[in-house]
Amino acid sequence: MREKKVIVFIIEGPSDEAALGTIMKEHFSSNEVRFVVVHGDITQNLEHVLYNELKDFSDEEKQQLSDDFADQYEGNVNAFLAFISDPLIAAPGTYQKSWDYIEKGKNSLQRHSNMHLIFESYTPNK
């Protein structure tokens, strides 16, 4: 039986899928990408990264931010990779070390991400 790889993104809602979906499906095969909506407050991470402060955005503003983000990186995966790999955002080290870093002290409050690691270790299905 052939193994199938699937990348699952746990997201807050439709605006997060709008922001990341196009980029992820552009880089990875669209049948390998799945989004799970949890209706939590994950979007604040994107807002924090874009504005370097936490704001209380309306649903319409969140959708506009997501659309702007998607438009900025659609068709330009390399620019997106540079963005998420920036040391101001990317947690350093391997997968485990990046979580160790995020969990240490107040690093989780600084909105670090290890999303860049999925691009480094990805091997497309044959």
N, C-alpha and C. Protein backbone atom coordinates (compact mmCIF):
# COMPACT_ATOMS: atom_id res chain seq x y z
N MET A 1 0.84 -1.18 0.00
CA MET A 1 0.00 0.00 0.00
C MET A 1 0.89 1.25 0.00
N ARG A 2 0.56 2.17 -0.87
CA ARG A 2 1.34 3.38 -1.02
C ARG A 2 1.01 4.38 0.10
N GLU A 3 2.04 4.96 0.67
CA GLU A 3 1.88 5.96 1.72
C GLU A 3 1.48 7.29 1.11
N LYS A 4 0.60 8.03 1.78
CA LYS A 4 0.20 9.35 1.31
C LYS A 4 0.57 10.39 2.36
N LYS A 5 1.21 11.45 1.93
CA LYS A 5 1.57 12.54 2.84
C LYS A 5 0.49 13.60 2.79
N VAL A 6 0.13 14.09 3.98
CA VAL A 6 -0.84 15.16 4.08
C VAL A 6 -0.30 16.18 5.07
N ILE A 7 -0.43 17.44 4.74
CA ILE A 7 -0.02 18.52 5.62
C ILE A 7 -1.30 19.16 6.15
N VAL A 8 -1.46 19.16 7.47
CA VAL A 8 -2.65 19.70 8.10
C VAL A 8 -2.32 21.03 8.75
N PHE A 9 -3.10 22.04 8.44
CA PHE A 9 -2.95 23.35 9.06
C PHE A 9 -4.13 23.56 9.99
N ILE A 10 -3.86 23.80 11.26
CA ILE A 10 -4.91 24.07 12.23
C ILE A 10 -5.04 25.59 12.29
N ILE A 11 -6.21 26.07 11.92
CA ILE A 11 -6.42 27.51 11.76
C ILE A 11 -7.66 27.96 12.52
N GLU A 12 -7.79 29.28 12.69
CA GLU A 12 -8.94 29.83 13.40
C GLU A 12 -10.20 29.76 12.57
N GLY A 13 -10.16 30.28 11.36
CA GLY A 13 -11.37 30.35 10.56
C GLY A 13 -11.08 30.58 9.10
N PRO A 14 -12.13 30.90 8.34
CA PRO A 14 -12.01 31.05 6.89
C PRO A 14 -11.00 32.12 6.45
N SER A 15 -10.85 33.18 7.23
CA SER A 15 -9.90 34.23 6.83
C SER A 15 -8.46 33.71 6.87
N ASP A 16 -8.16 32.81 7.80
CA ASP A 16 -6.82 32.22 7.85
C ASP A 16 -6.59 31.31 6.64
N GLU A 17 -7.62 30.55 6.29
CA GLU A 17 -7.49 29.69 5.11
C GLU A 17 -7.32 30.53 3.86
N ALA A 18 -8.03 31.67 3.80
CA ALA A 18 -7.89 32.57 2.65
C ALA A 18 -6.47 33.12 2.57
N ALA A 19 -5.89 33.45 3.72
CA ALA A 19 -4.53 34.03 3.74
C ALA A 19 -3.47 33.01 3.37
N LEU A 20 -3.60 31.79 3.87
CA LEU A 20 -2.55 30.79 3.69
C LEU A 20 -2.85 29.74 2.63
N GLY A 21 -4.11 29.52 2.34
CA GLY A 21 -4.50 28.43 1.45
C GLY A 21 -3.87 28.49 0.08
N THR A 22 -3.94 29.62 -0.57
CA THR A 22 -3.39 29.76 -1.92
C THR A 22 -1.89 29.51 -1.93
N ILE A 23 -1.20 30.08 -0.96
CA ILE A 23 0.26 29.93 -0.89
C ILE A 23 0.63 28.47 -0.67
N MET A 24 -0.03 27.84 0.27
CA MET A 24 0.31 26.45 0.59
C MET A 24 -0.03 25.50 -0.57
N LYS A 25 -1.17 25.72 -1.19
CA LYS A 25 -1.57 24.86 -2.31
C LYS A 25 -0.73 25.13 -3.55
N GLU A 26 -0.13 26.30 -3.63
CA GLU A 26 0.77 26.62 -4.73
C GLU A 26 2.10 25.88 -4.58
N HIS A 27 2.57 25.79 -3.36
CA HIS A 27 3.86 25.14 -3.12
C HIS A 27 3.73 23.63 -3.00
N PHE A 28 2.71 23.20 -2.27
CA PHE A 28 2.47 21.77 -2.08
C PHE A 28 1.35 21.36 -3.03
N SER A 29 1.24 20.11 -3.31
CA SER A 29 0.13 19.60 -4.11
C SER A 29 -1.16 19.87 -3.36
N SER A 30 -2.17 20.38 -4.05
CA SER A 30 -3.41 20.75 -3.36
C SER A 30 -4.09 19.56 -2.68
N ASN A 31 -3.85 18.33 -3.17
CA ASN A 31 -4.46 17.18 -2.51
C ASN A 31 -3.66 16.75 -1.28
N GLU A 32 -2.54 17.40 -0.99
CA GLU A 32 -1.75 17.11 0.20
C GLU A 32 -2.02 18.09 1.33
N VAL A 33 -2.78 19.15 1.07
CA VAL A 33 -3.00 20.22 2.05
C VAL A 33 -4.43 20.14 2.57
N ARG A 34 -4.57 20.14 3.89
CA ARG A 34 -5.88 20.14 4.55
C ARG A 34 -5.88 21.22 5.62
N PHE A 35 -7.02 21.90 5.75
CA PHE A 35 -7.18 22.91 6.78
C PHE A 35 -8.23 22.44 7.78
N VAL A 36 -7.92 22.58 9.06
CA VAL A 36 -8.85 22.25 10.13
C VAL A 36 -9.17 23.54 10.85
N VAL A 37 -10.43 23.94 10.83
CA VAL A 37 -10.87 25.18 11.46
C VAL A 37 -11.25 24.90 12.90
N VAL A 38 -10.61 25.61 13.85
CA VAL A 38 -10.87 25.38 15.27
C VAL A 38 -11.63 26.52 15.94
N HIS A 39 -11.84 27.62 15.23
CA HIS A 39 -12.56 28.78 15.76
C HIS A 39 -11.95 29.27 17.06
N GLY A 40 -10.62 29.34 17.09
CA GLY A 40 -9.87 29.90 18.20
C GLY A 40 -9.38 31.28 17.81
N ASP A 41 -8.37 31.81 18.47
CA ASP A 41 -7.88 33.15 18.16
C ASP A 41 -6.47 33.08 17.61
N ILE A 42 -6.25 32.27 16.60
CA ILE A 42 -4.95 32.14 15.97
C ILE A 42 -4.62 33.35 15.10
N THR A 43 -5.64 34.01 14.55
CA THR A 43 -5.43 35.13 13.62
C THR A 43 -4.63 36.25 14.25
N GLN A 44 -4.72 36.43 15.57
CA GLN A 44 -3.98 37.51 16.20
C GLN A 44 -2.49 37.38 15.92
N ASN A 45 -1.99 36.18 15.70
CA ASN A 45 -0.57 36.04 15.36
C ASN A 45 -0.25 36.78 14.08
N LEU A 46 -1.07 36.62 13.05
CA LEU A 46 -0.86 37.31 11.78
C LEU A 46 -0.97 38.81 12.00
N GLU A 47 -1.99 39.25 12.73
CA GLU A 47 -2.16 40.67 12.99
C GLU A 47 -0.97 41.24 13.76
N HIS A 48 -0.49 40.47 14.73
CA HIS A 48 0.66 40.92 15.52
C HIS A 48 1.89 41.05 14.64
N VAL A 49 2.12 40.09 13.77
CA VAL A 49 3.28 40.13 12.88
C VAL A 49 3.18 41.32 11.93
N LEU A 50 1.99 41.57 11.38
CA LEU A 50 1.84 42.66 10.41
C LEU A 50 1.94 44.03 11.05
N TYR A 51 1.43 44.18 12.28
CA TYR A 51 1.36 45.50 12.89
C TYR A 51 2.21 45.66 14.14
N ASN A 52 2.87 44.59 14.59
CA ASN A 52 3.70 44.59 15.78
C ASN A 52 2.94 45.06 17.02
N GLU A 53 1.64 44.83 17.03
CA GLU A 53 0.82 45.11 18.20
C GLU A 53 -0.47 44.30 18.07
N LEU A 54 -1.07 44.02 19.19
CA LEU A 54 -2.35 43.31 19.17
C LEU A 54 -3.47 44.32 19.08
N LYS A 55 -4.36 44.11 18.12
CA LYS A 55 -5.50 44.99 17.93
C LYS A 55 -6.76 44.15 17.96
N ASP A 56 -7.87 44.80 18.21
CA ASP A 56 -9.16 44.12 18.18
C ASP A 56 -9.80 44.41 16.83
N PHE A 57 -9.64 43.48 15.87
CA PHE A 57 -10.15 43.66 14.53
C PHE A 57 -11.54 43.07 14.39
N SER A 58 -12.37 43.73 13.60
CA SER A 58 -13.68 43.17 13.28
C SER A 58 -13.48 42.01 12.31
N ASP A 59 -14.52 41.20 12.13
CA ASP A 59 -14.44 40.09 11.18
C ASP A 59 -14.13 40.59 9.78
N GLU A 60 -14.72 41.73 9.39
CA GLU A 60 -14.48 42.30 8.07
C GLU A 60 -13.02 42.73 7.92
N GLU A 61 -12.48 43.34 8.98
CA GLU A 61 -11.07 43.76 8.94
C GLU A 61 -10.14 42.55 8.86
N LYS A 62 -10.48 41.48 9.60
CA LYS A 62 -9.67 40.26 9.55
C LYS A 62 -9.69 39.68 8.14
N GLN A 63 -10.86 39.68 7.51
CA GLN A 63 -10.97 39.16 6.15
C GLN A 63 -10.13 40.01 5.20
N GLN A 64 -10.16 41.33 5.37
CA GLN A 64 -9.38 42.22 4.50
C GLN A 64 -7.88 41.98 4.70
N LEU A 65 -7.45 41.82 5.96
CA LEU A 65 -6.05 41.52 6.24
C LEU A 65 -5.64 40.21 5.58
N SER A 66 -6.49 39.20 5.68
CA SER A 66 -6.19 37.90 5.07
C SER A 66 -6.10 38.03 3.56
N ASP A 67 -7.02 38.76 2.97
CA ASP A 67 -7.00 38.95 1.52
C ASP A 67 -5.73 39.70 1.09
N ASP A 68 -5.38 40.74 1.85
CA ASP A 68 -4.16 41.50 1.53
C ASP A 68 -2.92 40.63 1.64
N PHE A 69 -2.88 39.80 2.68
CA PHE A 69 -1.75 38.90 2.88
C PHE A 69 -1.65 37.91 1.73
N ALA A 70 -2.77 37.31 1.38
CA ALA A 70 -2.79 36.34 0.28
C ALA A 70 -2.38 37.00 -1.03
N ASP A 71 -2.90 38.20 -1.29
CA ASP A 71 -2.55 38.91 -2.52
C ASP A 71 -1.06 39.23 -2.59
N GLN A 72 -0.49 39.58 -1.45
CA GLN A 72 0.93 39.94 -1.40
C GLN A 72 1.83 38.77 -1.79
N TYR A 73 1.43 37.55 -1.39
CA TYR A 73 2.31 36.40 -1.60
C TYR A 73 1.83 35.43 -2.67
N GLU A 74 0.63 35.62 -3.21
CA GLU A 74 0.13 34.73 -4.25
C GLU A 74 1.06 34.79 -5.47
N GLY A 75 1.48 33.62 -5.92
CA GLY A 75 2.39 33.55 -7.06
C GLY A 75 3.83 33.86 -6.71
N ASN A 76 4.11 34.07 -5.43
CA ASN A 76 5.47 34.42 -5.01
C ASN A 76 5.83 33.67 -3.73
N VAL A 77 5.90 32.35 -3.85
CA VAL A 77 6.20 31.51 -2.69
C VAL A 77 7.55 31.86 -2.08
N ASN A 78 8.52 32.23 -2.91
CA ASN A 78 9.85 32.57 -2.38
C ASN A 78 9.79 33.77 -1.44
N ALA A 79 8.97 34.77 -1.77
CA ALA A 79 8.82 35.93 -0.88
C ALA A 79 8.15 35.50 0.43
N PHE A 80 7.17 34.60 0.34
CA PHE A 80 6.52 34.09 1.55
C PHE A 80 7.52 33.32 2.40
N LEU A 81 8.34 32.49 1.77
CA LEU A 81 9.36 31.74 2.51
C LEU A 81 10.34 32.69 3.20
N ALA A 82 10.73 33.75 2.52
CA ALA A 82 11.62 34.73 3.13
C ALA A 82 10.95 35.39 4.34
N PHE A 83 9.66 35.69 4.21
CA PHE A 83 8.90 36.31 5.30
C PHE A 83 8.85 35.41 6.53
N ILE A 84 8.46 34.14 6.35
CA ILE A 84 8.31 33.26 7.51
C ILE A 84 9.65 32.75 8.03
N SER A 85 10.72 32.92 7.23
CA SER A 85 12.05 32.50 7.67
C SER A 85 12.84 33.61 8.32
N ASP A 86 12.29 34.82 8.31
CA ASP A 86 12.95 35.96 8.93
C ASP A 86 13.19 35.65 10.41
N PRO A 87 14.40 35.92 10.92
CA PRO A 87 14.70 35.63 12.32
C PRO A 87 13.78 36.31 13.33
N LEU A 88 13.11 37.38 12.92
CA LEU A 88 12.15 38.02 13.83
C LEU A 88 10.89 37.17 14.02
N ILE A 89 10.65 36.25 13.09
CA ILE A 89 9.45 35.40 13.14
C ILE A 89 9.82 33.95 13.39
N ALA A 90 10.79 33.45 12.66
CA ALA A 90 11.13 32.02 12.69
C ALA A 90 11.82 31.64 13.99
N ALA A 91 11.25 30.63 14.65
CA ALA A 91 11.91 30.08 15.84
C ALA A 91 13.11 29.28 15.37
N PRO A 92 14.26 29.44 16.01
CA PRO A 92 15.48 28.80 15.54
C PRO A 92 15.54 27.30 15.87
N GLY A 93 16.30 26.58 15.06
CA GLY A 93 16.61 25.18 15.35
C GLY A 93 15.71 24.18 14.64
N THR A 94 15.89 22.94 15.03
CA THR A 94 15.10 21.84 14.50
C THR A 94 13.67 21.97 15.02
N TYR A 95 12.81 21.06 14.57
CA TYR A 95 11.42 21.09 15.03
C TYR A 95 11.34 21.08 16.55
N GLN A 96 11.99 20.12 17.19
CA GLN A 96 11.93 20.04 18.66
C GLN A 96 12.57 21.25 19.31
N LYS A 97 13.72 21.69 18.80
CA LYS A 97 14.40 22.85 19.40
C LYS A 97 13.57 24.13 19.21
N SER A 98 12.85 24.22 18.09
CA SER A 98 12.02 25.41 17.87
C SER A 98 10.89 25.46 18.90
N TRP A 99 10.30 24.31 19.24
CA TRP A 99 9.26 24.28 20.28
C TRP A 99 9.87 24.54 21.65
N ASP A 100 11.05 24.01 21.90
CA ASP A 100 11.72 24.30 23.17
C ASP A 100 11.93 25.81 23.32
N TYR A 101 12.35 26.46 22.22
CA TYR A 101 12.57 27.91 22.22
C TYR A 101 11.26 28.66 22.47
N ILE A 102 10.20 28.27 21.75
CA ILE A 102 8.91 28.95 21.87
C ILE A 102 8.38 28.83 23.30
N GLU A 103 8.57 27.66 23.92
CA GLU A 103 8.04 27.43 25.27
C GLU A 103 8.87 28.08 26.38
N LYS A 104 10.07 28.52 26.07
CA LYS A 104 10.99 29.07 27.07
C LYS A 104 10.62 30.52 27.39
N GLY A 105 10.56 30.81 28.67
CA GLY A 105 10.32 32.18 29.12
C GLY A 105 9.08 32.79 28.49
N LYS A 106 9.26 33.97 27.91
CA LYS A 106 8.13 34.68 27.29
C LYS A 106 8.19 34.63 25.77
N ASN A 107 8.97 33.71 25.21
CA ASN A 107 9.10 33.64 23.76
C ASN A 107 7.77 33.40 23.05
N SER A 108 6.86 32.67 23.67
CA SER A 108 5.57 32.41 23.03
C SER A 108 4.79 33.71 22.84
N LEU A 109 5.01 34.68 23.71
CA LEU A 109 4.34 35.96 23.58
C LEU A 109 4.89 36.80 22.44
N GLN A 110 6.07 36.44 21.96
CA GLN A 110 6.69 37.18 20.86
C GLN A 110 6.24 36.67 19.50
N ARG A 111 5.31 35.72 19.47
CA ARG A 111 4.66 35.24 18.26
C ARG A 111 5.62 34.61 17.27
N HIS A 112 6.52 33.79 17.76
CA HIS A 112 7.42 33.06 16.88
C HIS A 112 6.69 31.91 16.20
N SER A 113 7.24 31.47 15.08
CA SER A 113 6.63 30.38 14.32
C SER A 113 7.72 29.43 13.84
N ASN A 114 7.36 28.17 13.67
CA ASN A 114 8.29 27.22 13.07
C ASN A 114 7.73 26.70 11.75
N MET A 115 6.82 27.45 11.15
CA MET A 115 6.22 27.06 9.87
C MET A 115 7.26 26.88 8.77
N HIS A 116 8.32 27.64 8.83
CA HIS A 116 9.36 27.54 7.80
C HIS A 116 9.95 26.13 7.70
N LEU A 117 9.88 25.38 8.79
CA LEU A 117 10.48 24.04 8.81
C LEU A 117 9.75 23.06 7.89
N ILE A 118 8.44 23.25 7.66
CA ILE A 118 7.75 22.31 6.77
C ILE A 118 8.24 22.45 5.33
N PHE A 119 8.71 23.63 4.97
CA PHE A 119 9.23 23.84 3.62
C PHE A 119 10.63 23.25 3.48
N GLU A 120 11.40 23.29 4.57
CA GLU A 120 12.76 22.74 4.54
C GLU A 120 12.77 21.23 4.45
N SER A 121 11.79 20.59 5.07
CA SER A 121 11.80 19.13 5.13
C SER A 121 10.83 18.47 4.15
N TYR A 122 10.17 19.24 3.33
CA TYR A 122 9.15 18.70 2.44
C TYR A 122 9.74 17.97 1.24
N THR A 123 9.23 16.78 1.00
CA THR A 123 9.56 16.03 -0.21
C THR A 123 8.24 15.67 -0.87
N PRO A 124 8.01 16.15 -2.10
CA PRO A 124 6.71 15.89 -2.74
C PRO A 124 6.46 14.42 -2.94
N ASN A 125 5.16 14.03 -2.93
CA ASN A 125 4.78 12.67 -3.26
C ASN A 125 5.16 12.36 -4.70
N LYS A 126 5.58 11.16 -4.94
CA LYS A 126 5.95 10.77 -6.30
C LYS A 126 4.76 10.13 -6.98
